[in-house]
Amino acid sequence: MICRHKYEKREKDGYQYCSKCGKGRKLPCVHKWKYMGFNSIEGMDVFGKCSIIGAIRIYECEFCGEMKKKR
């Protein structure tokens, strides 16, 4: 029997399921980024002392766990 799939809304597991046969298909993640903190970038100043010269913010997707960094 051939099913002409009628997919329902996206579930929390990232899949859509056919309302007729139950077949699932994985959808790309629509990321919801959560701020996790930052890492400081240290460098040497003109006097040879170590100092913080920048920071990288770290984010994690609440759905799939993917991480990203931003300056």
PDB file of N, CA and C in Angstrom:
ATOM      1  N   MET A   1       0.836  -1.186   0.000  1.00  0.00           N
ATOM      2  CA  MET A   1       0.000   0.000   0.000  1.00  0.00           C
ATOM      3  C   MET A   1       0.886   1.256   0.000  1.00  0.00           C
ATOM      4  N   ILE A   2       0.549   2.181  -0.849  1.00  0.00           N
ATOM      5  CA  ILE A   2       1.302   3.429  -0.939  1.00  0.00           C
ATOM      6  C   ILE A   2       0.572   4.493  -0.122  1.00  0.00           C
ATOM      7  N   CYS A   3       1.338   5.194   0.685  1.00  0.00           N
ATOM      8  CA  CYS A   3       0.761   6.247   1.534  1.00  0.00           C
ATOM      9  C   CYS A   3       1.160   7.611   0.981  1.00  0.00           C
ATOM     10  N   ARG A   4       0.196   8.465   0.783  1.00  0.00           N
ATOM     11  CA  ARG A   4       0.491   9.872   0.462  1.00  0.00           C
ATOM     12  C   ARG A   4       0.548  10.589   1.808  1.00  0.00           C
ATOM     13  N   HIS A   5       1.768  10.736   2.298  1.00  0.00           N
ATOM     14  CA  HIS A   5       1.987  11.212   3.659  1.00  0.00           C
ATOM     15  C   HIS A   5       1.366  12.577   3.901  1.00  0.00           C
ATOM     16  N   LYS A   6       0.756  12.703   5.053  1.00  0.00           N
ATOM     17  CA  LYS A   6       0.238  13.981   5.525  1.00  0.00           C
ATOM     18  C   LYS A   6       0.916  14.236   6.875  1.00  0.00           C
ATOM     19  N   TYR A   7       1.995  15.029   6.829  1.00  0.00           N
ATOM     20  CA  TYR A   7       2.798  15.253   8.024  1.00  0.00           C
ATOM     21  C   TYR A   7       2.148  16.291   8.925  1.00  0.00           C
ATOM     22  N   GLU A   8       2.213  16.025  10.194  1.00  0.00           N
ATOM     23  CA  GLU A   8       1.662  16.909  11.212  1.00  0.00           C
ATOM     24  C   GLU A   8       2.725  17.915  11.645  1.00  0.00           C
ATOM     25  N   LYS A   9       2.487  18.620  12.747  1.00  0.00           N
ATOM     26  CA  LYS A   9       3.425  19.637  13.240  1.00  0.00           C
ATOM     27  C   LYS A   9       4.713  18.997  13.759  1.00  0.00           C
ATOM     28  N   ARG A  10       5.740  19.808  13.908  1.00  0.00           N
ATOM     29  CA  ARG A  10       7.029  19.364  14.432  1.00  0.00           C
ATOM     30  C   ARG A  10       6.876  18.984  15.901  1.00  0.00           C
ATOM     31  N   GLU A  11       7.412  17.813  16.240  1.00  0.00           N
ATOM     32  CA  GLU A  11       7.403  17.358  17.632  1.00  0.00           C
ATOM     33  C   GLU A  11       8.675  17.823  18.328  1.00  0.00           C
ATOM     34  N   LYS A  12       8.733  17.679  19.643  1.00  0.00           N
ATOM     35  CA  LYS A  12       9.905  18.124  20.406  1.00  0.00           C
ATOM     36  C   LYS A  12      11.160  17.328  20.082  1.00  0.00           C
ATOM     37  N   ASP A  13      11.015  16.117  19.546  1.00  0.00           N
ATOM     38  CA  ASP A  13      12.187  15.301  19.194  1.00  0.00           C
ATOM     39  C   ASP A  13      12.779  15.689  17.836  1.00  0.00           C
ATOM     40  N   GLY A  14      12.199  16.708  17.155  1.00  0.00           N
ATOM     41  CA  GLY A  14      12.731  17.194  15.885  1.00  0.00           C
ATOM     42  C   GLY A  14      12.173  16.481  14.669  1.00  0.00           C
ATOM     43  N   TYR A  15      11.180  15.628  14.853  1.00  0.00           N
ATOM     44  CA  TYR A  15      10.578  14.880  13.749  1.00  0.00           C
ATOM     45  C   TYR A  15       9.155  15.353  13.482  1.00  0.00           C
ATOM     46  N   GLN A  16       8.699  15.104  12.242  1.00  0.00           N
ATOM     47  CA  GLN A  16       7.296  15.242  11.874  1.00  0.00           C
ATOM     48  C   GLN A  16       6.804  13.833  11.569  1.00  0.00           C
ATOM     49  N   TYR A  17       5.577  13.517  11.968  1.00  0.00           N
ATOM     50  CA  TYR A  17       5.034  12.182  11.750  1.00  0.00           C
ATOM     51  C   TYR A  17       3.793  12.257  10.870  1.00  0.00           C
ATOM     52  N   CYS A  18       3.659  11.264   9.984  1.00  0.00           N
ATOM     53  CA  CYS A  18       2.505  11.159   9.103  1.00  0.00           C
ATOM     54  C   CYS A  18       1.294  10.752   9.937  1.00  0.00           C
ATOM     55  N   SER A  19       0.184  11.440   9.738  1.00  0.00           N
ATOM     56  CA  SER A  19      -1.027  11.134  10.511  1.00  0.00           C
ATOM     57  C   SER A  19      -1.696   9.847  10.017  1.00  0.00           C
ATOM     58  N   LYS A  20      -1.345   9.371   8.814  1.00  0.00           N
ATOM     59  CA  LYS A  20      -1.963   8.165   8.265  1.00  0.00           C
ATOM     60  C   LYS A  20      -1.200   6.895   8.637  1.00  0.00           C
ATOM     61  N   CYS A  21       0.134   6.893   8.389  1.00  0.00           N
ATOM     62  CA  CYS A  21       0.907   5.657   8.594  1.00  0.00           C
ATOM     63  C   CYS A  21       1.911   5.746   9.746  1.00  0.00           C
ATOM     64  N   GLY A  22       2.190   6.947  10.253  1.00  0.00           N
ATOM     65  CA  GLY A  22       3.111   7.103  11.379  1.00  0.00           C
ATOM     66  C   GLY A  22       4.565   7.265  10.999  1.00  0.00           C
ATOM     67  N   LYS A  23       4.888   7.308   9.696  1.00  0.00           N
ATOM     68  CA  LYS A  23       6.269   7.476   9.263  1.00  0.00           C
ATOM     69  C   LYS A  23       6.785   8.833   9.741  1.00  0.00           C
ATOM     70  N   GLY A  24       8.036   8.850  10.215  1.00  0.00           N
ATOM     71  CA  GLY A  24       8.639  10.093  10.687  1.00  0.00           C
ATOM     72  C   GLY A  24       9.714  10.591   9.752  1.00  0.00           C
ATOM     73  N   ARG A  25       9.890  11.903   9.707  1.00  0.00           N
ATOM     74  CA  ARG A  25      10.997  12.498   8.954  1.00  0.00           C
ATOM     75  C   ARG A  25      11.654  13.548   9.819  1.00  0.00           C
ATOM     76  N   LYS A  26      12.999  13.552   9.777  1.00  0.00           N
ATOM     77  CA  LYS A  26      13.790  14.488  10.581  1.00  0.00           C
ATOM     78  C   LYS A  26      13.833  15.832   9.878  1.00  0.00           C
ATOM     79  N   LEU A  27      13.575  16.887  10.640  1.00  0.00           N
ATOM     80  CA  LEU A  27      13.634  18.243  10.109  1.00  0.00           C
ATOM     81  C   LEU A  27      14.892  18.931  10.616  1.00  0.00           C
ATOM     82  N   PRO A  28      15.425  19.880   9.837  1.00  0.00           N
ATOM     83  CA  PRO A  28      16.571  20.642  10.341  1.00  0.00           C
ATOM     84  C   PRO A  28      16.164  21.422  11.595  1.00  0.00           C
ATOM     85  N   CYS A  29      17.092  21.586  12.488  1.00  0.00           N
ATOM     86  CA  CYS A  29      16.822  22.249  13.764  1.00  0.00           C
ATOM     87  C   CYS A  29      16.586  23.745  13.556  1.00  0.00           C
ATOM     88  N   VAL A  30      15.556  24.268  14.191  1.00  0.00           N
ATOM     89  CA  VAL A  30      15.353  25.718  14.264  1.00  0.00           C
ATOM     90  C   VAL A  30      15.918  26.123  15.624  1.00  0.00           C
ATOM     91  N   HIS A  31      17.162  26.538  15.602  1.00  0.00           N
ATOM     92  CA  HIS A  31      17.913  26.754  16.830  1.00  0.00           C
ATOM     93  C   HIS A  31      17.275  27.790  17.743  1.00  0.00           C
ATOM     94  N   LYS A  32      17.319  27.503  19.029  1.00  0.00           N
ATOM     95  CA  LYS A  32      16.947  28.458  20.066  1.00  0.00           C
ATOM     96  C   LYS A  32      18.182  28.573  20.955  1.00  0.00           C
ATOM     97  N   TRP A  33      18.943  29.650  20.748  1.00  0.00           N
ATOM     98  CA  TRP A  33      20.242  29.793  21.401  1.00  0.00           C
ATOM     99  C   TRP A  33      20.082  30.273  22.842  1.00  0.00           C
ATOM    100  N   LYS A  34      20.855  29.650  23.728  1.00  0.00           N
ATOM    101  CA  LYS A  34      20.888  30.015  25.144  1.00  0.00           C
ATOM    102  C   LYS A  34      22.327  30.413  25.482  1.00  0.00           C
ATOM    103  N   TYR A  35      22.471  31.563  26.129  1.00  0.00           N
ATOM    104  CA  TYR A  35      23.791  32.074  26.494  1.00  0.00           C
ATOM    105  C   TYR A  35      24.374  31.216  27.609  1.00  0.00           C
ATOM    106  N   MET A  36      25.609  30.719  27.416  1.00  0.00           N
ATOM    107  CA  MET A  36      26.244  29.835  28.394  1.00  0.00           C
ATOM    108  C   MET A  36      27.353  30.526  29.200  1.00  0.00           C
ATOM    109  N   GLY A  37      27.874  31.624  28.712  1.00  0.00           N
ATOM    110  CA  GLY A  37      28.961  32.305  29.406  1.00  0.00           C
ATOM    111  C   GLY A  37      29.961  32.828  28.385  1.00  0.00           C
ATOM    112  N   PHE A  38      31.174  33.113  28.857  1.00  0.00           N
ATOM    113  CA  PHE A  38      32.185  33.611  27.931  1.00  0.00           C
ATOM    114  C   PHE A  38      33.557  33.108  28.316  1.00  0.00           C
ATOM    115  N   ASN A  39      34.452  33.113  27.347  1.00  0.00           N
ATOM    116  CA  ASN A  39      35.872  32.827  27.554  1.00  0.00           C
ATOM    117  C   ASN A  39      36.627  34.104  27.256  1.00  0.00           C
ATOM    118  N   SER A  40      37.549  34.449  28.106  1.00  0.00           N
ATOM    119  CA  SER A  40      38.327  35.662  27.856  1.00  0.00           C
ATOM    120  C   SER A  40      39.539  35.335  26.993  1.00  0.00           C
ATOM    121  N   ILE A  41      39.946  36.310  26.193  1.00  0.00           N
ATOM    122  CA  ILE A  41      41.137  36.188  25.357  1.00  0.00           C
ATOM    123  C   ILE A  41      42.216  37.033  26.021  1.00  0.00           C
ATOM    124  N   GLU A  42      43.289  36.370  26.384  1.00  0.00           N
ATOM    125  CA  GLU A  42      44.365  37.087  27.072  1.00  0.00           C
ATOM    126  C   GLU A  42      45.515  37.346  26.113  1.00  0.00           C
ATOM    127  N   GLY A  43      46.202  38.441  26.357  1.00  0.00           N
ATOM    128  CA  GLY A  43      47.347  38.791  25.533  1.00  0.00           C
ATOM    129  C   GLY A  43      48.337  39.609  26.347  1.00  0.00           C
ATOM    130  N   MET A  44      49.454  39.896  25.763  1.00  0.00           N
ATOM    131  CA  MET A  44      50.485  40.680  26.443  1.00  0.00           C
ATOM    132  C   MET A  44      50.336  42.156  26.062  1.00  0.00           C
ATOM    133  N   ASP A  45      50.379  43.008  27.057  1.00  0.00           N
ATOM    134  CA  ASP A  45      50.351  44.438  26.755  1.00  0.00           C
ATOM    135  C   ASP A  45      51.769  44.935  26.497  1.00  0.00           C
ATOM    136  N   VAL A  46      51.922  46.228  26.302  1.00  0.00           N
ATOM    137  CA  VAL A  46      53.230  46.790  25.946  1.00  0.00           C
ATOM    138  C   VAL A  46      54.261  46.678  27.071  1.00  0.00           C
ATOM    139  N   PHE A  47      53.801  46.478  28.293  1.00  0.00           N
ATOM    140  CA  PHE A  47      54.728  46.370  29.418  1.00  0.00           C
ATOM    141  C   PHE A  47      55.055  44.918  29.756  1.00  0.00           C
ATOM    142  N   GLY A  48      54.557  43.970  28.946  1.00  0.00           N
ATOM    143  CA  GLY A  48      54.853  42.561  29.169  1.00  0.00           C
ATOM    144  C   GLY A  48      53.940  41.895  30.175  1.00  0.00           C
ATOM    145  N   LYS A  49      52.881  42.585  30.587  1.00  0.00           N
ATOM    146  CA  LYS A  49      51.930  41.995  31.526  1.00  0.00           C
ATOM    147  C   LYS A  49      50.798  41.328  30.755  1.00  0.00           C
ATOM    148  N   CYS A  50      50.279  40.271  31.325  1.00  0.00           N
ATOM    149  CA  CYS A  50      49.168  39.560  30.706  1.00  0.00           C
ATOM    150  C   CYS A  50      47.873  40.296  31.046  1.00  0.00           C
ATOM    151  N   SER A  51      47.060  40.571  30.054  1.00  0.00           N
ATOM    152  CA  SER A  51      45.800  41.260  30.296  1.00  0.00           C
ATOM    153  C   SER A  51      44.727  40.714  29.349  1.00  0.00           C
ATOM    154  N   ILE A  52      43.466  40.957  29.706  1.00  0.00           N
ATOM    155  CA  ILE A  52      42.354  40.497  28.882  1.00  0.00           C
ATOM    156  C   ILE A  52      42.159  41.479  27.735  1.00  0.00           C
ATOM    157  N   ILE A  53      42.180  40.966  26.498  1.00  0.00           N
ATOM    158  CA  ILE A  53      42.042  41.838  25.340  1.00  0.00           C
ATOM    159  C   ILE A  53      40.721  41.616  24.595  1.00  0.00           C
ATOM    160  N   GLY A  54      39.910  40.677  25.042  1.00  0.00           N
ATOM    161  CA  GLY A  54      38.632  40.424  24.393  1.00  0.00           C
ATOM    162  C   GLY A  54      37.909  39.271  25.051  1.00  0.00           C
ATOM    163  N   ALA A  55      36.722  38.990  24.567  1.00  0.00           N
ATOM    164  CA  ALA A  55      35.933  37.890  25.105  1.00  0.00           C
ATOM    165  C   ALA A  55      35.162  37.213  23.977  1.00  0.00           C
ATOM    166  N   ILE A  56      34.960  35.923  24.119  1.00  0.00           N
ATOM    167  CA  ILE A  56      34.152  35.153  23.177  1.00  0.00           C
ATOM    168  C   ILE A  56      32.939  34.641  23.944  1.00  0.00           C
ATOM    169  N   ARG A  57      31.736  35.002  23.454  1.00  0.00           N
ATOM    170  CA  ARG A  57      30.498  34.539  24.076  1.00  0.00           C
ATOM    171  C   ARG A  57      30.154  33.151  23.538  1.00  0.00           C
ATOM    172  N   ILE A  58      29.694  32.280  24.417  1.00  0.00           N
ATOM    173  CA  ILE A  58      29.378  30.903  24.044  1.00  0.00           C
ATOM    174  C   ILE A  58      27.874  30.688  24.173  1.00  0.00           C
ATOM    175  N   TYR A  59      27.278  30.104  23.112  1.00  0.00           N
ATOM    176  CA  TYR A  59      25.843  29.824  23.083  1.00  0.00           C
ATOM    177  C   TYR A  59      25.632  28.342  22.804  1.00  0.00           C
ATOM    178  N   GLU A  60      24.536  27.788  23.337  1.00  0.00           N
ATOM    179  CA  GLU A  60      24.170  26.400  23.088  1.00  0.00           C
ATOM    180  C   GLU A  60      22.704  26.345  22.678  1.00  0.00           C
ATOM    181  N   CYS A  61      22.397  25.528  21.659  1.00  0.00           N
ATOM    182  CA  CYS A  61      21.014  25.358  21.220  1.00  0.00           C
ATOM    183  C   CYS A  61      20.269  24.506  22.240  1.00  0.00           C
ATOM    184  N   GLU A  62      19.094  24.963  22.674  1.00  0.00           N
ATOM    185  CA  GLU A  62      18.316  24.224  23.665  1.00  0.00           C
ATOM    186  C   GLU A  62      17.713  22.948  23.088  1.00  0.00           C
ATOM    187  N   PHE A  63      17.575  22.867  21.754  1.00  0.00           N
ATOM    188  CA  PHE A  63      16.952  21.708  21.136  1.00  0.00           C
ATOM    189  C   PHE A  63      17.964  20.609  20.802  1.00  0.00           C
ATOM    190  N   CYS A  64      19.035  20.952  20.054  1.00  0.00           N
ATOM    191  CA  CYS A  64      19.941  19.920  19.565  1.00  0.00           C
ATOM    192  C   CYS A  64      21.296  19.888  20.294  1.00  0.00           C
ATOM    193  N   GLY A  65      21.617  20.915  21.085  1.00  0.00           N
ATOM    194  CA  GLY A  65      22.873  20.918  21.831  1.00  0.00           C
ATOM    195  C   GLY A  65      24.068  21.466  21.060  1.00  0.00           C
ATOM    196  N   GLU A  66      23.864  21.942  19.824  1.00  0.00           N
ATOM    197  CA  GLU A  66      24.952  22.511  19.048  1.00  0.00           C
ATOM    198  C   GLU A  66      25.494  23.753  19.746  1.00  0.00           C
ATOM    199  N   MET A  67      26.808  23.941  19.679  1.00  0.00           N
ATOM    200  CA  MET A  67      27.451  25.080  20.318  1.00  0.00           C
ATOM    201  C   MET A  67      27.933  26.048  19.245  1.00  0.00           C
ATOM    202  N   LYS A  68      27.916  27.366  19.587  1.00  0.00           N
ATOM    203  CA  LYS A  68      28.507  28.374  18.695  1.00  0.00           C
ATOM    204  C   LYS A  68      29.184  29.426  19.542  1.00  0.00           C
ATOM    205  N   LYS A  69      30.179  30.066  18.931  1.00  0.00           N
ATOM    206  CA  LYS A  69      30.946  31.116  19.606  1.00  0.00           C
ATOM    207  C   LYS A  69      30.812  32.401  18.822  1.00  0.00           C
ATOM    208  N   LYS A  70      30.739  33.516  19.533  1.00  0.00           N
ATOM    209  CA  LYS A  70      30.664  34.836  18.925  1.00  0.00           C
ATOM    210  C   LYS A  70      31.599  35.781  19.646  1.00  0.00           C
ATOM    211  N   ARG A  71      32.193  36.687  18.904  1.00  0.00           N
ATOM    212  CA  ARG A  71      33.028  37.733  19.520  1.00  0.00           C
ATOM    213  C   ARG A  71      32.174  38.865  19.967  1.00  0.00           C
TER     214      ARG A  71
END
